Amino acid sequence: LSCGASGSILSINIMGWYRQAPGKERTSVANITKGGSTKY
């Protein structure tokens, strides 16, 4: 998967992915800081 950002991009530090299965809440999958630190 890919995600492109536009607009006030200089303000963005963390970017991440969430997912929502049918009938379930949206949950975090992974995120990454501008410096490259990740969480899963």
PDB file of all heavy atoms in Angstrom:
ATOM      1  N   LEU A   1       0.836  -1.186   0.000  1.00  0.00           N
ATOM      2  CA  LEU A   1       0.000   0.000   0.000  1.00  0.00           C
ATOM      3  C   LEU A   1       0.877   1.245   0.000  1.00  0.00           C
ATOM      4  O   LEU A   1       1.960   1.243   0.587  1.00  0.00           O
ATOM      5  CB  LEU A   1      -0.905   0.029   1.234  1.00  0.00           C
ATOM      6  CG  LEU A   1      -1.782  -1.201   1.476  1.00  0.00           C
ATOM      7  CD1 LEU A   1      -2.664  -0.950   2.712  1.00  0.00           C
ATOM      8  CD2 LEU A   1      -2.618  -1.524   0.272  1.00  0.00           C
ATOM      9  N   SER A   2       0.379   2.289  -0.649  1.00  0.00           N
ATOM     10  CA  SER A   2       1.083   3.565  -0.656  1.00  0.00           C
ATOM     11  C   SER A   2       0.126   4.682  -0.289  1.00  0.00           C
ATOM     12  O   SER A   2      -1.078   4.589  -0.548  1.00  0.00           O
ATOM     13  CB  SER A   2       1.683   3.842  -2.037  1.00  0.00           C
ATOM     14  OG  SER A   2       2.651   2.873  -2.373  1.00  0.00           O
ATOM     15  N   CYS A   3       0.664   5.728   0.313  1.00  0.00           N
ATOM     16  CA  CYS A   3      -0.126   6.889   0.686  1.00  0.00           C
ATOM     17  C   CYS A   3       0.684   8.133   0.384  1.00  0.00           C
ATOM     18  O   CYS A   3       1.783   8.306   0.918  1.00  0.00           O
ATOM     19  CB  CYS A   3      -0.491   6.833   2.162  1.00  0.00           C
ATOM     20  SG  CYS A   3      -1.254   8.338   2.799  1.00  0.00           S
ATOM     21  N   GLY A   4       0.129   8.993  -0.455  1.00  0.00           N
ATOM     22  CA  GLY A   4       0.775  10.255  -0.775  1.00  0.00           C
ATOM     23  C   GLY A   4       0.125  11.395  -0.026  1.00  0.00           C
ATOM     24  O   GLY A   4      -1.102  11.459   0.063  1.00  0.00           O
ATOM     25  N   ALA A   5       0.950  12.282   0.514  1.00  0.00           N
ATOM     26  CA  ALA A   5       0.448  13.428   1.261  1.00  0.00           C
ATOM     27  C   ALA A   5       0.684  14.709   0.481  1.00  0.00           C
ATOM     28  O   ALA A   5       1.714  14.875  -0.182  1.00  0.00           O
ATOM     29  CB  ALA A   5       1.138  13.516   2.626  1.00  0.00           C
ATOM     30  N   SER A   6      -0.259  15.630   0.592  1.00  0.00           N
ATOM     31  CA  SER A   6      -0.118  16.953  -0.018  1.00  0.00           C
ATOM     32  C   SER A   6      -0.729  17.981   0.908  1.00  0.00           C
ATOM     33  O   SER A   6      -1.438  17.640   1.853  1.00  0.00           O
ATOM     34  CB  SER A   6      -0.774  16.994  -1.398  1.00  0.00           C
ATOM     35  OG  SER A   6      -2.156  16.713  -1.297  1.00  0.00           O
ATOM     36  N   GLY A   7      -0.463  19.253   0.644  1.00  0.00           N
ATOM     37  CA  GLY A   7      -0.956  20.310   1.514  1.00  0.00           C
ATOM     38  C   GLY A   7       0.123  20.753   2.478  1.00  0.00           C
ATOM     39  O   GLY A   7       1.267  20.953   2.083  1.00  0.00           O
ATOM     40  N   SER A   8      -0.233  20.870   3.742  1.00  0.00           N
ATOM     41  CA  SER A   8       0.698  21.367   4.767  1.00  0.00           C
ATOM     42  C   SER A   8       1.627  20.240   5.225  1.00  0.00           C
ATOM     43  O   SER A   8       1.664  19.871   6.400  1.00  0.00           O
ATOM     44  CB  SER A   8      -0.072  21.919   5.958  1.00  0.00           C
ATOM     45  OG  SER A   8      -0.928  22.964   5.561  1.00  0.00           O
ATOM     46  N   ILE A   9       2.406  19.729   4.305  1.00  0.00           N
ATOM     47  CA  ILE A   9       3.204  18.532   4.571  1.00  0.00           C
ATOM     48  C   ILE A   9       4.359  18.798   5.524  1.00  0.00           C
ATOM     49  O   ILE A   9       4.828  17.876   6.198  1.00  0.00           O
ATOM     50  CB  ILE A   9       3.719  17.924   3.263  1.00  0.00           C
ATOM     51  CG1 ILE A   9       4.504  18.972   2.466  1.00  0.00           C
ATOM     52  CG2 ILE A   9       2.576  17.341   2.456  1.00  0.00           C
ATOM     53  CD1 ILE A   9       5.121  18.443   1.212  1.00  0.00           C
ATOM     54  N   LEU A  10       4.830  20.019   5.618  1.00  0.00           N
ATOM     55  CA  LEU A  10       5.931  20.320   6.535  1.00  0.00           C
ATOM     56  C   LEU A  10       5.505  20.142   7.984  1.00  0.00           C
ATOM     57  O   LEU A  10       6.347  19.999   8.866  1.00  0.00           O
ATOM     58  CB  LEU A  10       6.442  21.738   6.300  1.00  0.00           C
ATOM     59  CG  LEU A  10       7.115  21.990   4.956  1.00  0.00           C
ATOM     60  CD1 LEU A  10       7.569  23.443   4.852  1.00  0.00           C
ATOM     61  CD2 LEU A  10       8.301  21.052   4.749  1.00  0.00           C
ATOM     62  N   SER A  11       4.193  20.160   8.241  1.00  0.00           N
ATOM     63  CA  SER A  11       3.673  20.001   9.603  1.00  0.00           C
ATOM     64  C   SER A  11       3.543  18.543  10.020  1.00  0.00           C
ATOM     65  O   SER A  11       3.217  18.255  11.161  1.00  0.00           O
ATOM     66  CB  SER A  11       2.298  20.672   9.702  1.00  0.00           C
ATOM     67  OG  SER A  11       2.366  22.038   9.358  1.00  0.00           O
ATOM     68  N   ILE A  12       3.762  17.638   9.090  1.00  0.00           N
ATOM     69  CA  ILE A  12       3.546  16.214   9.376  1.00  0.00           C
ATOM     70  C   ILE A  12       4.791  15.604  10.005  1.00  0.00           C
ATOM     71  O   ILE A  12       5.872  15.677   9.443  1.00  0.00           O
ATOM     72  CB  ILE A  12       3.195  15.433   8.097  1.00  0.00           C
ATOM     73  CG1 ILE A  12       1.912  15.981   7.474  1.00  0.00           C
ATOM     74  CG2 ILE A  12       3.036  13.951   8.417  1.00  0.00           C
ATOM     75  CD1 ILE A  12       1.587  15.344   6.137  1.00  0.00           C
ATOM     76  N   ASN A  13       4.615  14.979  11.179  1.00  0.00           N
ATOM     77  CA  ASN A  13       5.696  14.189  11.767  1.00  0.00           C
ATOM     78  C   ASN A  13       5.369  12.705  11.614  1.00  0.00           C
ATOM     79  O   ASN A  13       6.038  11.968  10.907  1.00  0.00           O
ATOM     80  CB  ASN A  13       5.898  14.546  13.234  1.00  0.00           C
ATOM     81  CG  ASN A  13       6.978  13.701  13.876  1.00  0.00           C
ATOM     82  OD1 ASN A  13       7.842  13.139  13.204  1.00  0.00           O
ATOM     83  ND2 ASN A  13       6.950  13.584  15.196  1.00  0.00           N
ATOM     84  N   ILE A  14       4.292  12.284  12.266  1.00  0.00           N
ATOM     85  CA  ILE A  14       3.916  10.876  12.218  1.00  0.00           C
ATOM     86  C   ILE A  14       2.942  10.623  11.064  1.00  0.00           C
ATOM     87  O   ILE A  14       2.012  11.387  10.841  1.00  0.00           O
ATOM     88  CB  ILE A  14       3.258  10.453  13.543  1.00  0.00           C
ATOM     89  CG1 ILE A  14       4.267  10.582  14.690  1.00  0.00           C
ATOM     90  CG2 ILE A  14       2.729   9.040  13.451  1.00  0.00           C
ATOM     91  CD1 ILE A  14       3.658  10.349  16.055  1.00  0.00           C
ATOM     92  N   MET A  15       3.182   9.527  10.346  1.00  0.00           N
ATOM     93  CA  MET A  15       2.217   9.012   9.371  1.00  0.00           C
ATOM     94  C   MET A  15       1.996   7.543   9.683  1.00  0.00           C
ATOM     95  O   MET A  15       2.914   6.849  10.122  1.00  0.00           O
ATOM     96  CB  MET A  15       2.726   9.188   7.938  1.00  0.00           C
ATOM     97  CG  MET A  15       2.832  10.629   7.493  1.00  0.00           C
ATOM     98  SD  MET A  15       3.288  10.795   5.755  1.00  0.00           S
ATOM     99  CE  MET A  15       1.761  10.285   4.951  1.00  0.00           C
ATOM    100  N   GLY A  16       0.787   7.106   9.450  1.00  0.00           N
ATOM    101  CA  GLY A  16       0.513   5.727   9.804  1.00  0.00           C
ATOM    102  C   GLY A  16      -0.612   5.110   9.013  1.00  0.00           C
ATOM    103  O   GLY A  16      -1.244   5.760   8.184  1.00  0.00           O
ATOM    104  N   TRP A  17      -0.825   3.841   9.296  1.00  0.00           N
ATOM    105  CA  TRP A  17      -1.900   3.077   8.683  1.00  0.00           C
ATOM    106  C   TRP A  17      -2.815   2.510   9.775  1.00  0.00           C
ATOM    107  O   TRP A  17      -2.329   2.001  10.796  1.00  0.00           O
ATOM    108  CB  TRP A  17      -1.337   1.922   7.854  1.00  0.00           C
ATOM    109  CG  TRP A  17      -0.621   2.359   6.625  1.00  0.00           C
ATOM    110  CD1 TRP A  17       0.714   2.611   6.486  1.00  0.00           C
ATOM    111  CD2 TRP A  17      -1.210   2.627   5.351  1.00  0.00           C
ATOM    112  NE1 TRP A  17       1.003   3.015   5.214  1.00  0.00           N
ATOM    113  CE2 TRP A  17      -0.163   3.027   4.487  1.00  0.00           C
ATOM    114  CE3 TRP A  17      -2.505   2.561   4.844  1.00  0.00           C
ATOM    115  CZ2 TRP A  17      -0.383   3.357   3.154  1.00  0.00           C
ATOM    116  CZ3 TRP A  17      -2.720   2.888   3.517  1.00  0.00           C
ATOM    117  CH2 TRP A  17      -1.669   3.283   2.678  1.00  0.00           C
ATOM    118  N   TYR A  18      -4.100   2.624   9.529  1.00  0.00           N
ATOM    119  CA  TYR A  18      -5.123   2.001  10.354  1.00  0.00           C
ATOM    120  C   TYR A  18      -5.916   1.068   9.449  1.00  0.00           C
ATOM    121  O   TYR A  18      -5.867   1.168   8.217  1.00  0.00           O
ATOM    122  CB  TYR A  18      -6.069   3.055  10.932  1.00  0.00           C
ATOM    123  CG  TYR A  18      -5.523   3.838  12.098  1.00  0.00           C
ATOM    124  CD1 TYR A  18      -4.464   4.729  11.944  1.00  0.00           C
ATOM    125  CD2 TYR A  18      -6.073   3.712  13.370  1.00  0.00           C
ATOM    126  CE1 TYR A  18      -3.962   5.453  13.014  1.00  0.00           C
ATOM    127  CE2 TYR A  18      -5.594   4.440  14.454  1.00  0.00           C
ATOM    128  CZ  TYR A  18      -4.535   5.301  14.257  1.00  0.00           C
ATOM    129  OH  TYR A  18      -4.053   6.017  15.328  1.00  0.00           O
ATOM    130  N   ARG A  19      -6.677   0.189  10.074  1.00  0.00           N
ATOM    131  CA  ARG A  19      -7.572  -0.657   9.300  1.00  0.00           C
ATOM    132  C   ARG A  19      -8.873  -0.864  10.052  1.00  0.00           C
ATOM    133  O   ARG A  19      -8.924  -0.799  11.282  1.00  0.00           O
ATOM    134  CB  ARG A  19      -6.928  -2.000   8.959  1.00  0.00           C
ATOM    135  CG  ARG A  19      -6.662  -2.914  10.141  1.00  0.00           C
ATOM    136  CD  ARG A  19      -5.882  -4.153   9.682  1.00  0.00           C
ATOM    137  NE  ARG A  19      -5.604  -5.082  10.771  1.00  0.00           N
ATOM    138  CZ  ARG A  19      -4.838  -6.167  10.659  1.00  0.00           C
ATOM    139  NH1 ARG A  19      -4.278  -6.454   9.474  1.00  0.00           N
ATOM    140  NH2 ARG A  19      -4.639  -6.963  11.681  1.00  0.00           N
ATOM    141  N   GLN A  20      -9.915  -1.104   9.266  1.00  0.00           N
ATOM    142  CA  GLN A  20     -11.240  -1.351   9.835  1.00  0.00           C
ATOM    143  C   GLN A  20     -11.879  -2.505   9.096  1.00  0.00           C
ATOM    144  O   GLN A  20     -12.174  -2.401   7.894  1.00  0.00           O
ATOM    145  CB  GLN A  20     -12.110  -0.102   9.749  1.00  0.00           C
ATOM    146  CG  GLN A  20     -13.424  -0.229  10.470  1.00  0.00           C
ATOM    147  CD  GLN A  20     -14.120   1.106  10.644  1.00  0.00           C
ATOM    148  OE1 GLN A  20     -13.812   2.082   9.943  1.00  0.00           O
ATOM    149  NE2 GLN A  20     -15.055   1.180  11.562  1.00  0.00           N
ATOM    150  N   ALA A  21     -12.079  -3.597   9.818  1.00  0.00           N
ATOM    151  CA  ALA A  21     -12.764  -4.754   9.264  1.00  0.00           C
ATOM    152  C   ALA A  21     -14.267  -4.569   9.428  1.00  0.00           C
ATOM    153  O   ALA A  21     -14.715  -3.802  10.297  1.00  0.00           O
ATOM    154  CB  ALA A  21     -12.291  -6.015   9.973  1.00  0.00           C
ATOM    155  N   PRO A  22     -15.062  -5.276   8.621  1.00  0.00           N
ATOM    156  CA  PRO A  22     -16.522  -5.137   8.720  1.00  0.00           C
ATOM    157  C   PRO A  22     -17.024  -5.407  10.143  1.00  0.00           C
ATOM    158  O   PRO A  22     -16.671  -6.430  10.743  1.00  0.00           O
ATOM    159  CB  PRO A  22     -17.028  -6.188   7.739  1.00  0.00           C
ATOM    160  CG  PRO A  22     -15.935  -6.345   6.747  1.00  0.00           C
ATOM    161  CD  PRO A  22     -14.674  -6.179   7.526  1.00  0.00           C
ATOM    162  N   GLY A  23     -17.779  -4.486  10.676  1.00  0.00           N
ATOM    163  CA  GLY A  23     -18.358  -4.658  11.996  1.00  0.00           C
ATOM    164  C   GLY A  23     -17.415  -4.437  13.152  1.00  0.00           C
ATOM    165  O   GLY A  23     -17.770  -4.692  14.310  1.00  0.00           O
ATOM    166  N   LYS A  24     -16.210  -3.975  12.866  1.00  0.00           N
ATOM    167  CA  LYS A  24     -15.214  -3.770  13.914  1.00  0.00           C
ATOM    168  C   LYS A  24     -14.736  -2.326  13.933  1.00  0.00           C
ATOM    169  O   LYS A  24     -14.959  -1.567  12.996  1.00  0.00           O
ATOM    170  CB  LYS A  24     -14.034  -4.717  13.718  1.00  0.00           C
ATOM    171  CG  LYS A  24     -14.392  -6.185  13.863  1.00  0.00           C
ATOM    172  CD  LYS A  24     -13.150  -7.054  13.855  1.00  0.00           C
ATOM    173  CE  LYS A  24     -13.504  -8.514  14.078  1.00  0.00           C
ATOM    174  NZ  LYS A  24     -12.298  -9.385  14.099  1.00  0.00           N
ATOM    175  N   GLU A  25     -14.076  -1.959  15.022  1.00  0.00           N
ATOM    176  CA  GLU A  25     -13.543  -0.607  15.157  1.00  0.00           C
ATOM    177  C   GLU A  25     -12.276  -0.443  14.315  1.00  0.00           C
ATOM    178  O   GLU A  25     -11.591  -1.409  13.993  1.00  0.00           O
ATOM    179  CB  GLU A  25     -13.229  -0.313  16.621  1.00  0.00           C
ATOM    180  CG  GLU A  25     -14.445  -0.258  17.524  1.00  0.00           C
ATOM    181  CD  GLU A  25     -14.085   0.158  18.945  1.00  0.00           C
ATOM    182  OE1 GLU A  25     -12.880   0.256  19.259  1.00  0.00           O
ATOM    183  OE2 GLU A  25     -15.022   0.384  19.742  1.00  0.00           O
ATOM    184  N   ARG A  26     -11.981   0.808  14.003  1.00  0.00           N
ATOM    185  CA  ARG A  26     -10.749   1.124  13.310  1.00  0.00           C
ATOM    186  C   ARG A  26      -9.581   1.024  14.288  1.00  0.00           C
ATOM    187  O   ARG A  26      -9.647   1.573  15.397  1.00  0.00           O
ATOM    188  CB  ARG A  26     -10.823   2.530  12.723  1.00  0.00           C
ATOM    189  CG  ARG A  26      -9.715   2.863  11.768  1.00  0.00           C
ATOM    190  CD  ARG A  26      -9.920   4.249  11.149  1.00  0.00           C
ATOM    191  NE  ARG A  26     -11.159   4.313  10.366  1.00  0.00           N
ATOM    192  CZ  ARG A  26     -11.480   5.364   9.608  1.00  0.00           C
ATOM    193  NH1 ARG A  26     -10.652   6.400   9.521  1.00  0.00           N
ATOM    194  NH2 ARG A  26     -12.603   5.373   8.947  1.00  0.00           N
ATOM    195  N   THR A  27      -8.541   0.314  13.914  1.00  0.00           N
ATOM    196  CA  THR A  27      -7.399   0.108  14.802  1.00  0.00           C
ATOM    197  C   THR A  27      -6.089   0.434  14.095  1.00  0.00           C
ATOM    198  O   THR A  27      -5.999   0.340  12.869  1.00  0.00           O
ATOM    199  CB  THR A  27      -7.336  -1.334  15.321  1.00  0.00           C
ATOM    200  OG1 THR A  27      -7.251  -2.230  14.207  1.00  0.00           O
ATOM    201  CG2 THR A  27      -8.563  -1.690  16.147  1.00  0.00           C
ATOM    202  N   SER A  28      -5.097   0.787  14.883  1.00  0.00           N
ATOM    203  CA  SER A  28      -3.796   1.129  14.335  1.00  0.00           C
ATOM    204  C   SER A  28      -3.067  -0.122  13.868  1.00  0.00           C
ATOM    205  O   SER A  28      -3.076  -1.158  14.539  1.00  0.00           O
ATOM    206  CB  SER A  28      -2.950   1.854  15.388  1.00  0.00           C
ATOM    207  OG  SER A  28      -1.668   2.148  14.882  1.00  0.00           O
ATOM    208  N   VAL A  29      -2.422  -0.011  12.713  1.00  0.00           N
ATOM    209  CA  VAL A  29      -1.626  -1.106  12.173  1.00  0.00           C
ATOM    210  C   VAL A  29      -0.134  -0.813  12.362  1.00  0.00           C
ATOM    211  O   VAL A  29       0.618  -1.633  12.868  1.00  0.00           O
ATOM    212  CB  VAL A  29      -1.926  -1.307  10.678  1.00  0.00           C
ATOM    213  CG1 VAL A  29      -1.003  -2.365  10.078  1.00  0.00           C
ATOM    214  CG2 VAL A  29      -3.390  -1.668  10.470  1.00  0.00           C
ATOM    215  N   ALA A  30       0.276   0.374  11.933  1.00  0.00           N
ATOM    216  CA  ALA A  30       1.690   0.749  12.034  1.00  0.00           C
ATOM    217  C   ALA A  30       1.812   2.247  11.845  1.00  0.00           C
ATOM    218  O   ALA A  30       0.953   2.876  11.215  1.00  0.00           O
ATOM    219  CB  ALA A  30       2.524   0.026  10.978  1.00  0.00           C
ATOM    220  N   ASN A  31       2.864   2.834  12.423  1.00  0.00           N
ATOM    221  CA  ASN A  31       3.148   4.225  12.127  1.00  0.00           C
ATOM    222  C   ASN A  31       4.645   4.468  12.101  1.00  0.00           C
ATOM    223  O   ASN A  31       5.444   3.635  12.567  1.00  0.00           O
ATOM    224  CB  ASN A  31       2.447   5.181  13.101  1.00  0.00           C
ATOM    225  CG  ASN A  31       2.890   5.024  14.542  1.00  0.00           C
ATOM    226  OD1 ASN A  31       4.079   5.097  14.842  1.00  0.00           O
ATOM    227  ND2 ASN A  31       1.938   4.839  15.432  1.00  0.00           N
ATOM    228  N   ILE A  32       5.008   5.608  11.531  1.00  0.00           N
ATOM    229  CA  ILE A  32       6.417   5.935  11.359  1.00  0.00           C
ATOM    230  C   ILE A  32       6.594   7.439  11.498  1.00  0.00           C
ATOM    231  O   ILE A  32       5.782   8.226  11.009  1.00  0.00           O
ATOM    232  CB  ILE A  32       6.932   5.432   9.983  1.00  0.00           C
ATOM    233  CG1 ILE A  32       8.432   5.671   9.828  1.00  0.00           C
ATOM    234  CG2 ILE A  32       6.146   6.063   8.838  1.00  0.00           C
ATOM    235  CD1 ILE A  32       9.028   4.938   8.619  1.00  0.00           C
ATOM    236  N   THR A  33       7.656   7.841  12.205  1.00  0.00           N
ATOM    237  CA  THR A  33       7.933   9.262  12.351  1.00  0.00           C
ATOM    238  C   THR A  33       8.774   9.750  11.178  1.00  0.00           C
ATOM    239  O   THR A  33       9.299   8.945  10.389  1.00  0.00           O
ATOM    240  CB  THR A  33       8.707   9.525  13.653  1.00  0.00           C
ATOM    241  OG1 THR A  33      10.017   8.946  13.545  1.00  0.00           O
ATOM    242  CG2 THR A  33       7.977   8.928  14.855  1.00  0.00           C
ATOM    243  N   LYS A  34       8.915  11.060  11.097  1.00  0.00           N
ATOM    244  CA  LYS A  34       9.736  11.636  10.038  1.00  0.00           C
ATOM    245  C   LYS A  34      11.179  11.143  10.151  1.00  0.00           C
ATOM    246  O   LYS A  34      11.872  10.987   9.147  1.00  0.00           O
ATOM    247  CB  LYS A  34       9.681  13.159  10.115  1.00  0.00           C
ATOM    248  CG  LYS A  34      10.376  13.868   8.959  1.00  0.00           C
ATOM    249  CD  LYS A  34      10.232  15.374   9.074  1.00  0.00           C
ATOM    250  CE  LYS A  34       8.839  15.833   8.795  1.00  0.00           C
ATOM    251  NZ  LYS A  34       8.722  17.314   8.734  1.00  0.00           N
ATOM    252  N   GLY A  35      11.600  10.833  11.370  1.00  0.00           N
ATOM    253  CA  GLY A  35      12.954  10.338  11.591  1.00  0.00           C
ATOM    254  C   GLY A  35      13.127   8.857  11.353  1.00  0.00           C
ATOM    255  O   GLY A  35      14.246   8.345  11.396  1.00  0.00           O
ATOM    256  N   GLY A  36      12.008   8.147  11.122  1.00  0.00           N
ATOM    257  CA  GLY A  36      12.100   6.735  10.790  1.00  0.00           C
ATOM    258  C   GLY A  36      11.787   5.767  11.914  1.00  0.00           C
ATOM    259  O   GLY A  36      11.887   4.550  11.727  1.00  0.00           O
ATOM    260  N   SER A  37      11.391   6.261  13.074  1.00  0.00           N
ATOM    261  CA  SER A  37      11.006   5.358  14.163  1.00  0.00           C
ATOM    262  C   SER A  37       9.651   4.741  13.848  1.00  0.00           C
ATOM    263  O   SER A  37       8.744   5.441  13.420  1.00  0.00           O
ATOM    264  CB  SER A  37      10.935   6.117  15.490  1.00  0.00           C
ATOM    265  OG  SER A  37      12.212   6.612  15.832  1.00  0.00           O
ATOM    266  N   THR A  38       9.533   3.439  14.098  1.00  0.00           N
ATOM    267  CA  THR A  38       8.315   2.729  13.722  1.00  0.00           C
ATOM    268  C   THR A  38       7.660   2.037  14.913  1.00  0.00           C
ATOM    269  O   THR A  38       8.326   1.700  15.903  1.00  0.00           O
ATOM    270  CB  THR A  38       8.619   1.663  12.659  1.00  0.00           C
ATOM    271  OG1 THR A  38       9.595   0.750  13.175  1.00  0.00           O
ATOM    272  CG2 THR A  38       9.152   2.299  11.383  1.00  0.00           C
ATOM    273  N   LYS A  39       6.368   1.831  14.797  1.00  0.00           N
ATOM    274  CA  LYS A  39       5.588   1.047  15.750  1.00  0.00           C
ATOM    275  C   LYS A  39       4.632   0.178  14.972  1.00  0.00           C
ATOM    276  O   LYS A  39       4.105   0.604  13.937  1.00  0.00           O
ATOM    277  CB  LYS A  39       4.807   1.945  16.717  1.00  0.00           C
ATOM    278  CG  LYS A  39       5.655   2.673  17.733  1.00  0.00           C
ATOM    279  CD  LYS A  39       4.778   3.444  18.714  1.00  0.00           C
ATOM    280  CE  LYS A  39       5.622   4.164  19.756  1.00  0.00           C
ATOM    281  NZ  LYS A  39       4.781   4.943  20.699  1.00  0.00           N
ATOM    282  N   TYR A  40       4.394  -1.038  15.493  1.00  0.00           N
ATOM    283  CA  TYR A  40       3.508  -1.979  14.830  1.00  0.00           C
ATOM    284  C   TYR A  40       2.521  -2.581  15.825  1.00  0.00           C
ATOM    285  O   TYR A  40       2.847  -2.789  17.000  1.00  0.00           O
ATOM    286  CB  TYR A  40       4.308  -3.127  14.210  1.00  0.00           C
ATOM    287  CG  TYR A  40       5.228  -2.719  13.089  1.00  0.00           C
ATOM    288  CD1 TYR A  40       6.554  -2.383  13.337  1.00  0.00           C
ATOM    289  CD2 TYR A  40       4.760  -2.666  11.776  1.00  0.00           C
ATOM    290  CE1 TYR A  40       7.399  -1.998  12.310  1.00  0.00           C
ATOM    291  CE2 TYR A  40       5.600  -2.293  10.736  1.00  0.00           C
ATOM    292  CZ  TYR A  40       6.916  -1.963  11.009  1.00  0.00           C
ATOM    293  OH  TYR A  40       7.742  -1.590   9.986  1.00  0.00           O
TER     294      TYR A  40
END
